[in-house]
Amino acid sequence: MNAEGSNSKGKKMGDFLFLSLAISGVLILSLIWRFFYAFWWRPMRLGKYLRDQGINGPPYRLVVGTIMEDTRLMNEAKLRPMDLSHAIVPRVIPFLYQTFKSYGIVTMILYEALRLYPPVVYTARCVAKTTKLGDITLPQGAQVTLPTLLMHHDPEVWGEDVEEFKPERFSEGVAQASKKQLVFFPFSWGPRVCIGQNFALIEAKVALAMILQHFTFELSPSYAHAPYTLITLQPQYGAQIILHRN
């Protein structure tokens, strides 16, 4: 009787041990998969998706990502003296500065979108005092209209491909994008430039980065291309897009 009880108890202990080992194995495999998915599969998949669209960036490193490179550049920047200047970006965020300098395709895309679809299609200014502009003398009180949309679509300024979406035209900066002198002012220019220009561009980049982390998207078949202006340039019937979770 005692022998049978001992065998039964031993069998239960063996079953419990086997079950414990099985559960532990499943949990370990689950953790390995989560680690592999979070730190390798998903970043590599997202990186390929972005590269396929021409959006390049620094190569991904397993687990550590860009932390080591960021730390190295930060330590180097701290040891490097600088002149009394407001150009503090390379010293404060050296890795991001280097990355955006090397992989500025997002900025180029935003600039090209703003060239084709400037938020304000024209700017009006009142002449404060008699001003000579080239061969023309503008009297005080005259109103001057700057047709931003027309100038952004002028083939004499941008070339015969003016109606094409070509972000690479800004690869050497805004000043070299057009054939003639600077003719790119989606936020106006000079002392009256829109104070929200930098904030708007940063906000757009952050929003795009957050969306692309979790979704891919495409234009909906129901979208009707009908830009019109109501204070600012906007799609008349909205911009319908379809989101796909990554």
C-alpha atoms as a PDB file:
ATOM      1  CA  MET A   1       0.000   0.000   0.000  1.00  0.00           C
ATOM      2  CA  ASN A   2       2.825   2.333   0.952  1.00  0.00           C
ATOM      3  CA  ALA A   3       4.700   1.357  -2.182  1.00  0.00           C
ATOM      4  CA  GLU A   4       1.672   2.154  -4.333  1.00  0.00           C
ATOM      5  CA  GLY A   5       1.232   5.484  -2.536  1.00  0.00           C
ATOM      6  CA  SER A   6       4.886   6.307  -3.060  1.00  0.00           C
ATOM      7  CA  ASN A   7       4.660   5.434  -6.754  1.00  0.00           C
ATOM      8  CA  SER A   8       1.530   7.572  -7.130  1.00  0.00           C
ATOM      9  CA  LYS A   9       3.177  10.453  -5.322  1.00  0.00           C
ATOM     10  CA  GLY A  10       6.302  10.075  -7.414  1.00  0.00           C
ATOM     11  CA  LYS A  11       4.244  10.034 -10.606  1.00  0.00           C
ATOM     12  CA  LYS A  12       2.423  13.208  -9.564  1.00  0.00           C
ATOM     13  CA  MET A  13       5.736  14.888  -8.770  1.00  0.00           C
ATOM     14  CA  GLY A  14       7.081  13.777 -12.140  1.00  0.00           C
ATOM     15  CA  ASP A  15       3.998  15.099 -13.931  1.00  0.00           C
ATOM     16  CA  PHE A  16       4.232  18.379 -12.040  1.00  0.00           C
ATOM     17  CA  LEU A  17       7.925  18.701 -12.889  1.00  0.00           C
ATOM     18  CA  PHE A  18       7.231  17.962 -16.563  1.00  0.00           C
ATOM     19  CA  LEU A  19       4.395  20.503 -16.626  1.00  0.00           C
ATOM     20  CA  SER A  20       6.595  23.096 -14.924  1.00  0.00           C
ATOM     21  CA  LEU A  21       9.379  22.500 -17.427  1.00  0.00           C
ATOM     22  CA  ALA A  22       6.924  22.697 -20.332  1.00  0.00           C
ATOM     23  CA  ILE A  23       5.447  25.973 -19.091  1.00  0.00           C
ATOM     24  CA  SER A  24       8.941  27.372 -18.465  1.00  0.00           C
ATOM     25  CA  GLY A  25       9.985  26.337 -21.960  1.00  0.00           C
ATOM     26  CA  VAL A  26       6.949  28.016 -23.519  1.00  0.00           C
ATOM     27  CA  LEU A  27       7.587  31.196 -21.511  1.00  0.00           C
ATOM     28  CA  ILE A  28      11.264  31.226 -22.480  1.00  0.00           C
ATOM     29  CA  LEU A  29      10.418  30.700 -26.152  1.00  0.00           C
ATOM     30  CA  SER A  30       7.794  33.451 -25.911  1.00  0.00           C
ATOM     31  CA  LEU A  31      10.334  35.849 -24.394  1.00  0.00           C
ATOM     32  CA  ILE A  32      12.896  34.938 -27.068  1.00  0.00           C
ATOM     33  CA  TRP A  33      10.320  35.595 -29.792  1.00  0.00           C
ATOM     34  CA  ARG A  34       9.284  38.911 -28.230  1.00  0.00           C
ATOM     35  CA  PHE A  35      12.923  39.956 -27.997  1.00  0.00           C
ATOM     36  CA  PHE A  36      13.617  38.864 -31.586  1.00  0.00           C
ATOM     37  CA  TYR A  37      10.478  40.617 -32.862  1.00  0.00           C
ATOM     38  CA  ALA A  38      11.006  43.883 -30.945  1.00  0.00           C
ATOM     39  CA  PHE A  39      14.749  44.251 -31.466  1.00  0.00           C
ATOM     40  CA  TRP A  40      15.332  42.640 -34.854  1.00  0.00           C
ATOM     41  CA  TRP A  41      12.355  41.628 -37.006  1.00  0.00           C
ATOM     42  CA  ARG A  42      10.241  44.756 -36.581  1.00  0.00           C
ATOM     43  CA  PRO A  43      13.085  47.335 -36.885  1.00  0.00           C
ATOM     44  CA  MET A  44      14.504  45.562 -39.960  1.00  0.00           C
ATOM     45  CA  ARG A  45      11.046  45.340 -41.543  1.00  0.00           C
ATOM     46  CA  LEU A  46      10.326  49.023 -40.906  1.00  0.00           C
ATOM     47  CA  GLY A  47      13.775  49.963 -42.182  1.00  0.00           C
ATOM     48  CA  LYS A  48      13.171  48.090 -45.442  1.00  0.00           C
ATOM     49  CA  TYR A  49       9.752  49.704 -45.836  1.00  0.00           C
ATOM     50  CA  LEU A  50      11.250  53.179 -45.451  1.00  0.00           C
ATOM     51  CA  ARG A  51      14.212  52.439 -47.744  1.00  0.00           C
ATOM     52  CA  ASP A  52      11.841  51.202 -50.439  1.00  0.00           C
ATOM     53  CA  GLN A  53      10.303  54.701 -50.371  1.00  0.00           C
ATOM     54  CA  GLY A  54      13.711  56.371 -50.584  1.00  0.00           C
ATOM     55  CA  ILE A  55      13.806  57.334 -46.886  1.00  0.00           C
ATOM     56  CA  ASN A  56      17.264  56.289 -45.702  1.00  0.00           C
ATOM     57  CA  GLY A  57      18.842  56.424 -42.287  1.00  0.00           C
ATOM     58  CA  PRO A  58      21.760  55.075 -40.255  1.00  0.00           C
ATOM     59  CA  PRO A  59      22.096  51.261 -40.257  1.00  0.00           C
ATOM     60  CA  TYR A  60      20.259  49.494 -37.443  1.00  0.00           C
ATOM     61  CA  ARG A  61      22.311  47.775 -34.737  1.00  0.00           C
ATOM     62  CA  LEU A  62      20.797  44.942 -32.712  1.00  0.00           C
ATOM     63  CA  VAL A  63      19.566  45.944 -29.215  1.00  0.00           C
ATOM     64  CA  VAL A  64      21.866  48.934 -28.724  1.00  0.00           C
ATOM     65  CA  GLY A  65      20.483  50.718 -31.783  1.00  0.00           C
ATOM     66  CA  THR A  66      22.276  54.049 -32.087  1.00  0.00           C
ATOM     67  CA  ILE A  67      22.881  54.576 -28.360  1.00  0.00           C
ATOM     68  CA  MET A  68      26.633  53.871 -28.513  1.00  0.00           C
ATOM     69  CA  GLU A  69      27.151  56.159 -31.496  1.00  0.00           C
ATOM     70  CA  ASP A  70      25.010  58.853 -29.864  1.00  0.00           C
ATOM     71  CA  THR A  71      27.015  58.609 -26.618  1.00  0.00           C
ATOM     72  CA  ARG A  72      30.331  58.766 -28.459  1.00  0.00           C
ATOM     73  CA  LEU A  73      29.353  61.855 -30.444  1.00  0.00           C
ATOM     74  CA  MET A  74      27.922  63.519 -27.331  1.00  0.00           C
ATOM     75  CA  ASN A  75      31.168  62.978 -25.381  1.00  0.00           C
ATOM     76  CA  GLU A  76      33.218  64.301 -28.280  1.00  0.00           C
ATOM     77  CA  ALA A  77      30.977  67.367 -28.569  1.00  0.00           C
ATOM     78  CA  LYS A  78      31.362  68.143 -24.848  1.00  0.00           C
ATOM     79  CA  LEU A  79      35.152  68.209 -25.188  1.00  0.00           C
ATOM     80  CA  ARG A  80      35.101  70.412 -28.268  1.00  0.00           C
ATOM     81  CA  PRO A  81      35.113  74.181 -27.540  1.00  0.00           C
ATOM     82  CA  MET A  82      32.960  76.458 -29.669  1.00  0.00           C
ATOM     83  CA  ASP A  83      32.881  80.143 -30.495  1.00  0.00           C
ATOM     84  CA  LEU A  84      30.262  82.481 -29.065  1.00  0.00           C
ATOM     85  CA  SER A  85      27.550  81.495 -31.525  1.00  0.00           C
ATOM     86  CA  HIS A  86      23.895  80.519 -31.660  1.00  0.00           C
ATOM     87  CA  ALA A  87      24.754  77.508 -33.838  1.00  0.00           C
ATOM     88  CA  ILE A  88      24.420  75.091 -30.923  1.00  0.00           C
ATOM     89  CA  VAL A  89      22.707  72.154 -32.654  1.00  0.00           C
ATOM     90  CA  PRO A  90      25.912  70.202 -33.541  1.00  0.00           C
ATOM     91  CA  ARG A  91      27.027  70.404 -29.905  1.00  0.00           C
ATOM     92  CA  VAL A  92      23.723  69.710 -28.125  1.00  0.00           C
ATOM     93  CA  ILE A  93      22.333  66.915 -30.344  1.00  0.00           C
ATOM     94  CA  PRO A  94      25.315  65.850 -32.489  1.00  0.00           C
ATOM     95  CA  PHE A  95      23.915  62.477 -33.539  1.00  0.00           C
ATOM     96  CA  LEU A  96      20.576  63.864 -34.741  1.00  0.00           C
ATOM     97  CA  TYR A  97      22.376  66.728 -36.458  1.00  0.00           C
ATOM     98  CA  GLN A  98      24.670  64.309 -38.287  1.00  0.00           C
ATOM     99  CA  THR A  99      21.784  62.007 -39.176  1.00  0.00           C
ATOM    100  CA  PHE A 100      19.564  64.745 -40.612  1.00  0.00           C
ATOM    101  CA  LYS A 101      22.532  66.204 -42.447  1.00  0.00           C
ATOM    102  CA  SER A 102      23.304  62.836 -44.030  1.00  0.00           C
ATOM    103  CA  TYR A 103      19.749  61.587 -44.525  1.00  0.00           C
ATOM    104  CA  GLY A 104      17.712  64.714 -45.259  1.00  0.00           C
ATOM    105  CA  ILE A 105      15.243  63.059 -47.622  1.00  0.00           C
ATOM    106  CA  VAL A 106      12.266  63.778 -45.317  1.00  0.00           C
ATOM    107  CA  THR A 107      13.074  67.491 -45.349  1.00  0.00           C
ATOM    108  CA  MET A 108      13.407  67.389 -49.138  1.00  0.00           C
ATOM    109  CA  ILE A 109      10.012  65.677 -49.433  1.00  0.00           C
ATOM    110  CA  LEU A 110       8.364  68.295 -47.207  1.00  0.00           C
ATOM    111  CA  TYR A 111       9.980  71.146 -49.160  1.00  0.00           C
ATOM    112  CA  GLU A 112       8.798  69.719 -52.479  1.00  0.00           C
ATOM    113  CA  ALA A 113       5.268  69.250 -51.114  1.00  0.00           C
ATOM    114  CA  LEU A 114       5.317  72.875 -49.897  1.00  0.00           C
ATOM    115  CA  ARG A 115       6.563  74.030 -53.297  1.00  0.00           C
ATOM    116  CA  LEU A 116       3.724  72.323 -55.144  1.00  0.00           C
ATOM    117  CA  TYR A 117       1.082  73.052 -52.497  1.00  0.00           C
ATOM    118  CA  PRO A 118       2.082  76.137 -50.468  1.00  0.00           C
ATOM    119  CA  PRO A 119      -0.311  76.698 -47.543  1.00  0.00           C
ATOM    120  CA  VAL A 120      -0.737  80.379 -48.495  1.00  0.00           C
ATOM    121  CA  VAL A 121      -1.110  80.827 -52.265  1.00  0.00           C
ATOM    122  CA  TYR A 122      -0.261  84.520 -52.287  1.00  0.00           C
ATOM    123  CA  THR A 123       1.013  87.173 -49.904  1.00  0.00           C
ATOM    124  CA  ALA A 124      -0.052  90.825 -49.920  1.00  0.00           C
ATOM    125  CA  ARG A 125       2.083  93.643 -48.516  1.00  0.00           C
ATOM    126  CA  CYS A 126       1.476  97.393 -48.229  1.00  0.00           C
ATOM    127  CA  VAL A 127       4.404  99.635 -49.139  1.00  0.00           C
ATOM    128  CA  ALA A 128       5.277 101.673 -46.041  1.00  0.00           C
ATOM    129  CA  LYS A 129       7.341 104.267 -47.923  1.00  0.00           C
ATOM    130  CA  THR A 130       8.296 104.986 -51.509  1.00  0.00           C
ATOM    131  CA  THR A 131      10.559 102.127 -52.565  1.00  0.00           C
ATOM    132  CA  LYS A 132      12.595 101.491 -55.704  1.00  0.00           C
ATOM    133  CA  LEU A 133      12.441  97.845 -56.780  1.00  0.00           C
ATOM    134  CA  GLY A 134      14.694  97.298 -59.788  1.00  0.00           C
ATOM    135  CA  ASP A 135      13.457  99.672 -62.465  1.00  0.00           C
ATOM    136  CA  ILE A 136      10.107 100.164 -60.743  1.00  0.00           C
ATOM    137  CA  THR A 137       9.293 102.781 -58.101  1.00  0.00           C
ATOM    138  CA  LEU A 138       6.537 101.728 -55.715  1.00  0.00           C
ATOM    139  CA  PRO A 139       4.725 104.664 -54.075  1.00  0.00           C
ATOM    140  CA  GLN A 140       3.802 104.692 -50.413  1.00  0.00           C
ATOM    141  CA  GLY A 141       0.462 102.994 -49.771  1.00  0.00           C
ATOM    142  CA  ALA A 142       0.616 100.736 -52.838  1.00  0.00           C
ATOM    143  CA  GLN A 143      -0.314  97.107 -52.261  1.00  0.00           C
ATOM    144  CA  VAL A 144       2.033  94.474 -53.666  1.00  0.00           C
ATOM    145  CA  THR A 145       0.850  90.897 -54.153  1.00  0.00           C
ATOM    146  CA  LEU A 146       3.357  88.055 -54.246  1.00  0.00           C
ATOM    147  CA  PRO A 147       1.732  85.099 -56.096  1.00  0.00           C
ATOM    148  CA  THR A 148       3.500  82.255 -54.282  1.00  0.00           C
ATOM    149  CA  LEU A 149       1.639  79.478 -56.097  1.00  0.00           C
ATOM    150  CA  LEU A 150       2.398  80.910 -59.547  1.00  0.00           C
ATOM    151  CA  MET A 151       6.075  81.408 -58.740  1.00  0.00           C
ATOM    152  CA  HIS A 152       6.377  77.896 -57.310  1.00  0.00           C
ATOM    153  CA  HIS A 153       4.968  76.507 -60.585  1.00  0.00           C
ATOM    154  CA  ASP A 154       6.954  78.721 -62.976  1.00  0.00           C
ATOM    155  CA  PRO A 155       8.933  76.549 -65.475  1.00  0.00           C
ATOM    156  CA  GLU A 156      11.372  79.413 -66.138  1.00  0.00           C
ATOM    157  CA  VAL A 157      12.374  79.246 -62.467  1.00  0.00           C
ATOM    158  CA  TRP A 158      12.150  75.511 -61.709  1.00  0.00           C
ATOM    159  CA  GLY A 159      12.592  73.904 -65.130  1.00  0.00           C
ATOM    160  CA  GLU A 160      10.329  71.935 -67.428  1.00  0.00           C
ATOM    161  CA  ASP A 161       9.726  69.337 -64.702  1.00  0.00           C
ATOM    162  CA  VAL A 162       8.081  71.995 -62.533  1.00  0.00           C
ATOM    163  CA  GLU A 163       4.818  70.031 -62.247  1.00  0.00           C
ATOM    164  CA  GLU A 164       6.599  66.823 -61.206  1.00  0.00           C
ATOM    165  CA  PHE A 165       7.119  65.756 -57.595  1.00  0.00           C
ATOM    166  CA  LYS A 166      10.930  65.648 -57.369  1.00  0.00           C
ATOM    167  CA  PRO A 167      12.256  66.094 -53.804  1.00  0.00           C
ATOM    168  CA  GLU A 168      15.817  65.660 -55.070  1.00  0.00           C
ATOM    169  CA  ARG A 169      15.703  69.185 -56.502  1.00  0.00           C
ATOM    170  CA  PHE A 170      16.332  70.319 -52.887  1.00  0.00           C
ATOM    171  CA  SER A 171      19.298  67.973 -52.370  1.00  0.00           C
ATOM    172  CA  GLU A 172      21.720  70.920 -52.306  1.00  0.00           C
ATOM    173  CA  GLY A 173      19.481  73.140 -50.221  1.00  0.00           C
ATOM    174  CA  VAL A 174      16.765  75.681 -50.909  1.00  0.00           C
ATOM    175  CA  ALA A 175      19.086  78.249 -52.478  1.00  0.00           C
ATOM    176  CA  GLN A 176      20.216  75.823 -55.231  1.00  0.00           C
ATOM    177  CA  ALA A 177      16.810  74.274 -55.926  1.00  0.00           C
ATOM    178  CA  SER A 178      15.685  76.790 -58.554  1.00  0.00           C
ATOM    179  CA  LYS A 179      17.433  78.060 -61.673  1.00  0.00           C
ATOM    180  CA  LYS A 180      17.442  81.677 -60.574  1.00  0.00           C
ATOM    181  CA  GLN A 181      17.657  83.399 -57.216  1.00  0.00           C
ATOM    182  CA  LEU A 182      15.693  82.119 -54.253  1.00  0.00           C
ATOM    183  CA  VAL A 183      12.039  81.696 -55.249  1.00  0.00           C
ATOM    184  CA  PHE A 184      10.813  79.391 -52.494  1.00  0.00           C
ATOM    185  CA  PHE A 185       8.757  80.992 -49.744  1.00  0.00           C
ATOM    186  CA  PRO A 186       5.837  78.816 -48.576  1.00  0.00           C
ATOM    187  CA  PHE A 187       6.034  80.631 -45.225  1.00  0.00           C
ATOM    188  CA  SER A 188       6.801  84.047 -46.725  1.00  0.00           C
ATOM    189  CA  TRP A 189      10.309  85.486 -46.301  1.00  0.00           C
ATOM    190  CA  GLY A 190      12.353  88.190 -44.650  1.00  0.00           C
ATOM    191  CA  PRO A 191      11.511  89.913 -41.343  1.00  0.00           C
ATOM    192  CA  ARG A 192       7.813  89.000 -41.763  1.00  0.00           C
ATOM    193  CA  VAL A 193       8.435  85.269 -42.246  1.00  0.00           C
ATOM    194  CA  CYS A 194       5.938  82.999 -40.474  1.00  0.00           C
ATOM    195  CA  ILE A 195       7.150  82.437 -36.908  1.00  0.00           C
ATOM    196  CA  GLY A 196       5.687  78.925 -36.974  1.00  0.00           C
ATOM    197  CA  GLN A 197       7.818  77.716 -39.906  1.00  0.00           C
ATOM    198  CA  ASN A 198      10.342  75.643 -37.931  1.00  0.00           C
ATOM    199  CA  PHE A 199       7.685  74.323 -35.558  1.00  0.00           C
ATOM    200  CA  ALA A 200       5.475  73.218 -38.473  1.00  0.00           C
ATOM    201  CA  LEU A 201       8.324  71.334 -40.173  1.00  0.00           C
ATOM    202  CA  ILE A 202       9.432  69.624 -36.948  1.00  0.00           C
ATOM    203  CA  GLU A 203       5.829  68.724 -36.106  1.00  0.00           C
ATOM    204  CA  ALA A 204       5.350  67.196 -39.564  1.00  0.00           C
ATOM    205  CA  LYS A 205       8.540  65.110 -39.258  1.00  0.00           C
ATOM    206  CA  VAL A 206       7.625  63.853 -35.778  1.00  0.00           C
ATOM    207  CA  ALA A 207       4.067  62.997 -36.830  1.00  0.00           C
ATOM    208  CA  LEU A 208       5.306  61.166 -39.934  1.00  0.00           C
ATOM    209  CA  ALA A 209       7.866  59.208 -37.900  1.00  0.00           C
ATOM    210  CA  MET A 210       5.236  58.187 -35.315  1.00  0.00           C
ATOM    211  CA  ILE A 211       2.760  57.077 -37.995  1.00  0.00           C
ATOM    212  CA  LEU A 212       5.324  55.056 -39.955  1.00  0.00           C
ATOM    213  CA  GLN A 213       6.349  53.198 -36.804  1.00  0.00           C
ATOM    214  CA  HIS A 214       2.934  51.562 -36.612  1.00  0.00           C
ATOM    215  CA  PHE A 215       1.236  51.961 -39.984  1.00  0.00           C
ATOM    216  CA  THR A 216       1.703  51.960 -43.713  1.00  0.00           C
ATOM    217  CA  PHE A 217      -0.773  54.001 -45.702  1.00  0.00           C
ATOM    218  CA  GLU A 218      -2.073  54.522 -49.193  1.00  0.00           C
ATOM    219  CA  LEU A 219      -4.425  56.923 -50.901  1.00  0.00           C
ATOM    220  CA  SER A 220      -8.066  55.810 -50.817  1.00  0.00           C
ATOM    221  CA  PRO A 221      -9.830  55.146 -54.144  1.00  0.00           C
ATOM    222  CA  SER A 222     -12.503  57.592 -52.959  1.00  0.00           C
ATOM    223  CA  TYR A 223     -10.026  60.487 -52.920  1.00  0.00           C
ATOM    224  CA  ALA A 224     -10.867  63.254 -55.400  1.00  0.00           C
ATOM    225  CA  HIS A 225      -7.956  65.538 -56.229  1.00  0.00           C
ATOM    226  CA  ALA A 226      -9.447  69.016 -55.916  1.00  0.00           C
ATOM    227  CA  PRO A 227      -7.148  71.560 -54.217  1.00  0.00           C
ATOM    228  CA  TYR A 228      -8.807  74.866 -53.409  1.00  0.00           C
ATOM    229  CA  THR A 229      -8.099  77.794 -51.163  1.00  0.00           C
ATOM    230  CA  LEU A 230     -10.072  78.859 -48.124  1.00  0.00           C
ATOM    231  CA  ILE A 231      -7.618  81.083 -46.266  1.00  0.00           C
ATOM    232  CA  THR A 232      -5.081  78.280 -46.836  1.00  0.00           C
ATOM    233  CA  LEU A 233      -4.692  75.727 -49.629  1.00  0.00           C
ATOM    234  CA  GLN A 234      -6.522  72.498 -48.769  1.00  0.00           C
ATOM    235  CA  PRO A 235      -8.276  69.503 -50.387  1.00  0.00           C
ATOM    236  CA  GLN A 236     -11.853  70.454 -51.159  1.00  0.00           C
ATOM    237  CA  TYR A 237     -13.268  67.016 -50.352  1.00  0.00           C
ATOM    238  CA  GLY A 238     -10.731  66.000 -47.718  1.00  0.00           C
ATOM    239  CA  ALA A 239      -7.768  63.641 -48.002  1.00  0.00           C
ATOM    240  CA  GLN A 240      -8.954  60.079 -47.476  1.00  0.00           C
ATOM    241  CA  ILE A 241      -6.199  57.571 -46.780  1.00  0.00           C
ATOM    242  CA  ILE A 242      -6.200  53.891 -45.837  1.00  0.00           C
ATOM    243  CA  LEU A 243      -4.021  52.863 -42.885  1.00  0.00           C
ATOM    244  CA  HIS A 244      -2.543  49.373 -42.557  1.00  0.00           C
ATOM    245  CA  ARG A 245      -1.119  48.330 -39.191  1.00  0.00           C
ATOM    246  CA  ASN A 246       2.429  46.993 -39.450  1.00  0.00           C
END
